[in-house]
Amino acid sequence: MRIVKCADLPNIRDGRNVEVAGVILVRQRPGSAKGVLFVTIEDETGVAQGILWPDRFETYRRQVMSASMIAMRGKLQKEGEVIHIICDRITDHDAMLRSIAGRDFRVMPGHGDGATSGGGPDPRDAGFPKGRTLSYRPFNLVPDEEETMRIRSHDFH
């Protein structure tokens, strides 16, 4: 497939067309970057940084935002120690990742996601303790257990 290892990027001449593949670590689209998307991927040898200009991002939005593993093809840009790939094409490799692992790698929501886990106690709920001290049942307790954790409130006025 002519995919280059991330660790080999420093040895490739500036301006060459390369393709690297890996698991997406970070997607950043800062407000100050005028629509430019920065993508960091990792393979078994290291990390690579990709830059997608706004028109390329719109073309490959689905692949970049939904895939766990991608290939980035584009021009290698080196400025001192900083190495980027100015992406021309993004390829979704999630199917390949699933075939190796035998499982789905989509990001699942965690305990901090109030929409799926309910979050902490809500003072609007019936039975919510009144006063300055409240009881809170940690997430990891079995529903039948009566054990609660006491949380003291602080009055900063």
C-alpha atoms as a PDB file:
ATOM      1  CA  MET A   1       0.000   0.000   0.000  1.00  0.00           C
ATOM      2  CA  ARG A   2       3.113   2.235   0.130  1.00  0.00           C
ATOM      3  CA  ILE A   3       2.256   3.528   3.579  1.00  0.00           C
ATOM      4  CA  VAL A   4       5.246   5.039   5.360  1.00  0.00           C
ATOM      5  CA  LYS A   5       5.925   4.465   9.067  1.00  0.00           C
ATOM      6  CA  CYS A   6       5.633   7.604  11.193  1.00  0.00           C
ATOM      7  CA  ALA A   7       9.177   7.043  12.497  1.00  0.00           C
ATOM      8  CA  ASP A   8      10.538   7.243   8.927  1.00  0.00           C
ATOM      9  CA  LEU A   9       9.166  10.753   8.241  1.00  0.00           C
ATOM     10  CA  PRO A  10      12.320  12.608   9.430  1.00  0.00           C
ATOM     11  CA  ASN A  11      14.370  10.667   6.840  1.00  0.00           C
ATOM     12  CA  ILE A  12      12.148  11.652   3.885  1.00  0.00           C
ATOM     13  CA  ARG A  13      12.947  14.753   1.842  1.00  0.00           C
ATOM     14  CA  ASP A  14      10.789  17.858   2.319  1.00  0.00           C
ATOM     15  CA  GLY A  15       8.111  18.274  -0.339  1.00  0.00           C
ATOM     16  CA  ARG A  16       7.725  14.565  -1.168  1.00  0.00           C
ATOM     17  CA  ASN A  17       4.264  12.989  -1.359  1.00  0.00           C
ATOM     18  CA  VAL A  18       3.799  10.447   1.424  1.00  0.00           C
ATOM     19  CA  GLU A  19       1.027   8.391   2.982  1.00  0.00           C
ATOM     20  CA  VAL A  20       0.931   7.470   6.672  1.00  0.00           C
ATOM     21  CA  ALA A  21      -1.732   5.576   8.577  1.00  0.00           C
ATOM     22  CA  GLY A  22      -2.628   5.230  12.224  1.00  0.00           C
ATOM     23  CA  VAL A  23      -5.145   5.592  14.992  1.00  0.00           C
ATOM     24  CA  ILE A  24      -6.460   9.133  15.483  1.00  0.00           C
ATOM     25  CA  LEU A  25      -5.264  10.626  18.752  1.00  0.00           C
ATOM     26  CA  VAL A  26      -6.363  14.253  18.410  1.00  0.00           C
ATOM     27  CA  ARG A  27      -8.519  16.366  16.106  1.00  0.00           C
ATOM     28  CA  GLN A  28      -8.156  20.120  16.618  1.00  0.00           C
ATOM     29  CA  ARG A  29      -9.917  22.925  14.817  1.00  0.00           C
ATOM     30  CA  PRO A  30      -9.009  26.103  16.717  1.00  0.00           C
ATOM     31  CA  GLY A  31     -11.142  29.171  16.128  1.00  0.00           C
ATOM     32  CA  SER A  32      -8.031  31.183  15.338  1.00  0.00           C
ATOM     33  CA  ALA A  33      -6.984  28.779  12.533  1.00  0.00           C
ATOM     34  CA  LYS A  34      -9.592  29.982   9.996  1.00  0.00           C
ATOM     35  CA  GLY A  35     -11.145  26.540   9.471  1.00  0.00           C
ATOM     36  CA  VAL A  36      -7.901  24.548   9.314  1.00  0.00           C
ATOM     37  CA  LEU A  37      -8.082  21.122  10.998  1.00  0.00           C
ATOM     38  CA  PHE A  38      -5.048  19.568  12.690  1.00  0.00           C
ATOM     39  CA  VAL A  39      -5.037  15.773  13.069  1.00  0.00           C
ATOM     40  CA  THR A  40      -2.563  13.711  15.091  1.00  0.00           C
ATOM     41  CA  ILE A  41      -2.327   9.991  14.343  1.00  0.00           C
ATOM     42  CA  GLU A  42      -0.187   7.240  15.843  1.00  0.00           C
ATOM     43  CA  ASP A  43       1.128   3.993  14.409  1.00  0.00           C
ATOM     44  CA  GLU A  44       3.325   1.408  16.145  1.00  0.00           C
ATOM     45  CA  THR A  45       6.459   3.519  15.535  1.00  0.00           C
ATOM     46  CA  GLY A  46       5.385   7.035  16.495  1.00  0.00           C
ATOM     47  CA  VAL A  47       3.077   9.957  15.728  1.00  0.00           C
ATOM     48  CA  ALA A  48       2.395  12.098  12.665  1.00  0.00           C
ATOM     49  CA  GLN A  49       0.733  15.494  12.341  1.00  0.00           C
ATOM     50  CA  GLY A  50      -1.669  16.231   9.497  1.00  0.00           C
ATOM     51  CA  ILE A  51      -3.070  19.554   8.292  1.00  0.00           C
ATOM     52  CA  LEU A  52      -6.345  19.759   6.361  1.00  0.00           C
ATOM     53  CA  TRP A  53      -7.201  23.068   4.728  1.00  0.00           C
ATOM     54  CA  PRO A  54     -10.921  23.982   4.927  1.00  0.00           C
ATOM     55  CA  ASP A  55     -11.776  22.683   1.426  1.00  0.00           C
ATOM     56  CA  ARG A  56     -10.085  19.306   2.123  1.00  0.00           C
ATOM     57  CA  PHE A  57     -11.802  19.097   5.513  1.00  0.00           C
ATOM     58  CA  GLU A  58     -15.222  19.584   3.914  1.00  0.00           C
ATOM     59  CA  THR A  59     -14.416  16.890   1.328  1.00  0.00           C
ATOM     60  CA  TYR A  60     -13.266  14.353   3.955  1.00  0.00           C
ATOM     61  CA  ARG A  61     -15.376  15.468   6.920  1.00  0.00           C
ATOM     62  CA  ARG A  62     -17.054  12.074   7.418  1.00  0.00           C
ATOM     63  CA  GLN A  63     -13.782  10.132   7.387  1.00  0.00           C
ATOM     64  CA  VAL A  64     -11.986  12.530   9.714  1.00  0.00           C
ATOM     65  CA  MET A  65     -14.800  12.912  12.241  1.00  0.00           C
ATOM     66  CA  SER A  66     -16.095   9.331  12.420  1.00  0.00           C
ATOM     67  CA  ALA A  67     -13.092   7.049  11.819  1.00  0.00           C
ATOM     68  CA  SER A  68     -10.782   5.710  14.501  1.00  0.00           C
ATOM     69  CA  MET A  69      -8.006   4.798  12.058  1.00  0.00           C
ATOM     70  CA  ILE A  70      -7.167   6.740   8.901  1.00  0.00           C
ATOM     71  CA  ALA A  71      -4.502   7.090   6.242  1.00  0.00           C
ATOM     72  CA  MET A  72      -3.355  10.600   5.360  1.00  0.00           C
ATOM     73  CA  ARG A  73      -1.807  11.255   1.947  1.00  0.00           C
ATOM     74  CA  GLY A  74      -0.176  14.530   1.055  1.00  0.00           C
ATOM     75  CA  LYS A  75       2.944  16.639   0.816  1.00  0.00           C
ATOM     76  CA  LEU A  76       5.516  16.353   3.587  1.00  0.00           C
ATOM     77  CA  GLN A  77       6.420  19.726   5.104  1.00  0.00           C
ATOM     78  CA  LYS A  78       9.487  20.016   7.321  1.00  0.00           C
ATOM     79  CA  GLU A  79      10.545  23.135   9.196  1.00  0.00           C
ATOM     80  CA  GLY A  80      13.405  22.243  11.530  1.00  0.00           C
ATOM     81  CA  GLU A  81      12.151  19.592  13.955  1.00  0.00           C
ATOM     82  CA  VAL A  82       8.488  20.179  13.045  1.00  0.00           C
ATOM     83  CA  ILE A  83       7.045  17.747  10.481  1.00  0.00           C
ATOM     84  CA  HIS A  84       3.540  17.975   9.002  1.00  0.00           C
ATOM     85  CA  ILE A  85       1.664  16.341   6.175  1.00  0.00           C
ATOM     86  CA  ILE A  86      -0.450  18.765   4.140  1.00  0.00           C
ATOM     87  CA  CYS A  87      -3.278  16.329   3.417  1.00  0.00           C
ATOM     88  CA  ASP A  88      -4.745  15.862  -0.052  1.00  0.00           C
ATOM     89  CA  ARG A  89      -6.605  12.639   0.710  1.00  0.00           C
ATOM     90  CA  ILE A  90      -7.960  10.862   3.801  1.00  0.00           C
ATOM     91  CA  THR A  91      -8.863   7.173   3.757  1.00  0.00           C
ATOM     92  CA  ASP A  92     -10.972   5.489   6.448  1.00  0.00           C
ATOM     93  CA  HIS A  93      -9.285   2.281   7.678  1.00  0.00           C
ATOM     94  CA  ASP A  94     -11.735   1.325  10.441  1.00  0.00           C
ATOM     95  CA  ALA A  95     -12.686  -1.915   8.653  1.00  0.00           C
ATOM     96  CA  MET A  96      -9.025  -2.918   8.574  1.00  0.00           C
ATOM     97  CA  LEU A  97      -8.666  -2.090  12.279  1.00  0.00           C
ATOM     98  CA  ARG A  98     -11.735  -4.187  13.163  1.00  0.00           C
ATOM     99  CA  SER A  99     -10.447  -7.129  11.118  1.00  0.00           C
ATOM    100  CA  ILE A 100      -7.226  -7.166  13.142  1.00  0.00           C
ATOM    101  CA  ALA A 101      -8.783  -6.759  16.563  1.00  0.00           C
ATOM    102  CA  GLY A 102     -12.090  -8.513  16.041  1.00  0.00           C
ATOM    103  CA  ARG A 103     -13.977  -5.700  17.783  1.00  0.00           C
ATOM    104  CA  ASP A 104     -15.379  -2.235  17.175  1.00  0.00           C
ATOM    105  CA  PHE A 105     -13.195   0.700  18.263  1.00  0.00           C
ATOM    106  CA  ARG A 106     -15.809   3.449  18.254  1.00  0.00           C
ATOM    107  CA  VAL A 107     -15.586   5.841  21.182  1.00  0.00           C
ATOM    108  CA  MET A 108     -18.118   4.985  23.866  1.00  0.00           C
ATOM    109  CA  PRO A 109     -19.377   7.619  26.333  1.00  0.00           C
ATOM    110  CA  GLY A 110     -18.034   7.437  29.877  1.00  0.00           C
ATOM    111  CA  HIS A 111     -19.383   8.246  33.309  1.00  0.00           C
ATOM    112  CA  GLY A 112     -18.966  11.966  32.660  1.00  0.00           C
ATOM    113  CA  ASP A 113     -21.597  11.850  29.935  1.00  0.00           C
ATOM    114  CA  GLY A 114     -24.735  12.890  31.790  1.00  0.00           C
ATOM    115  CA  ALA A 115     -26.970  11.937  28.851  1.00  0.00           C
ATOM    116  CA  THR A 116     -26.189   8.243  29.198  1.00  0.00           C
ATOM    117  CA  SER A 117     -25.090   7.737  32.794  1.00  0.00           C
ATOM    118  CA  GLY A 118     -27.345  10.172  34.609  1.00  0.00           C
ATOM    119  CA  GLY A 119     -24.594  12.235  36.222  1.00  0.00           C
ATOM    120  CA  GLY A 120     -24.770  13.138  39.916  1.00  0.00           C
ATOM    121  CA  PRO A 121     -27.735  13.810  42.204  1.00  0.00           C
ATOM    122  CA  ASP A 122     -30.249  16.394  41.038  1.00  0.00           C
ATOM    123  CA  PRO A 123     -31.709  18.713  43.707  1.00  0.00           C
ATOM    124  CA  ARG A 124     -35.007  18.773  41.773  1.00  0.00           C
ATOM    125  CA  ASP A 125     -35.505  15.019  42.307  1.00  0.00           C
ATOM    126  CA  ALA A 126     -38.038  13.861  44.888  1.00  0.00           C
ATOM    127  CA  GLY A 127     -36.270  12.640  48.002  1.00  0.00           C
ATOM    128  CA  PHE A 128     -33.239  14.854  47.511  1.00  0.00           C
ATOM    129  CA  PRO A 129     -31.944  15.627  51.027  1.00  0.00           C
ATOM    130  CA  LYS A 130     -32.553  19.177  52.212  1.00  0.00           C
ATOM    131  CA  GLY A 131     -30.170  21.151  54.327  1.00  0.00           C
ATOM    132  CA  ARG A 132     -26.462  21.686  54.280  1.00  0.00           C
ATOM    133  CA  THR A 133     -25.304  18.049  53.981  1.00  0.00           C
ATOM    134  CA  LEU A 134     -26.325  15.706  51.198  1.00  0.00           C
ATOM    135  CA  SER A 135     -25.958  11.988  50.593  1.00  0.00           C
ATOM    136  CA  TYR A 136     -24.567  10.775  47.327  1.00  0.00           C
ATOM    137  CA  ARG A 137     -24.506   7.203  46.037  1.00  0.00           C
ATOM    138  CA  PRO A 138     -21.271   6.562  44.059  1.00  0.00           C
ATOM    139  CA  PHE A 139     -21.611   5.023  40.573  1.00  0.00           C
ATOM    140  CA  ASN A 140     -19.822   1.805  41.447  1.00  0.00           C
ATOM    141  CA  LEU A 141     -22.223   0.710  44.221  1.00  0.00           C
ATOM    142  CA  VAL A 142     -24.730  -2.049  43.697  1.00  0.00           C
ATOM    143  CA  PRO A 143     -28.263  -0.525  43.534  1.00  0.00           C
ATOM    144  CA  ASP A 144     -29.476  -2.538  46.551  1.00  0.00           C
ATOM    145  CA  GLU A 145     -26.711  -1.337  48.869  1.00  0.00           C
ATOM    146  CA  GLU A 146     -27.671   1.288  51.415  1.00  0.00           C
ATOM    147  CA  GLU A 147     -24.151   2.662  51.799  1.00  0.00           C
ATOM    148  CA  THR A 148     -23.866   6.344  50.956  1.00  0.00           C
ATOM    149  CA  MET A 149     -21.054   8.825  51.025  1.00  0.00           C
ATOM    150  CA  ARG A 150     -21.606  11.987  53.109  1.00  0.00           C
ATOM    151  CA  ILE A 151     -20.605  15.231  51.398  1.00  0.00           C
ATOM    152  CA  ARG A 152     -20.468  18.332  53.552  1.00  0.00           C
ATOM    153  CA  SER A 153     -21.417  21.601  51.948  1.00  0.00           C
ATOM    154  CA  HIS A 154     -19.388  24.781  52.459  1.00  0.00           C
ATOM    155  CA  ASP A 155     -20.836  28.223  52.964  1.00  0.00           C
ATOM    156  CA  PHE A 156     -18.471  30.789  51.429  1.00  0.00           C
ATOM    157  CA  HIS A 157     -20.657  33.844  52.147  1.00  0.00           C
END
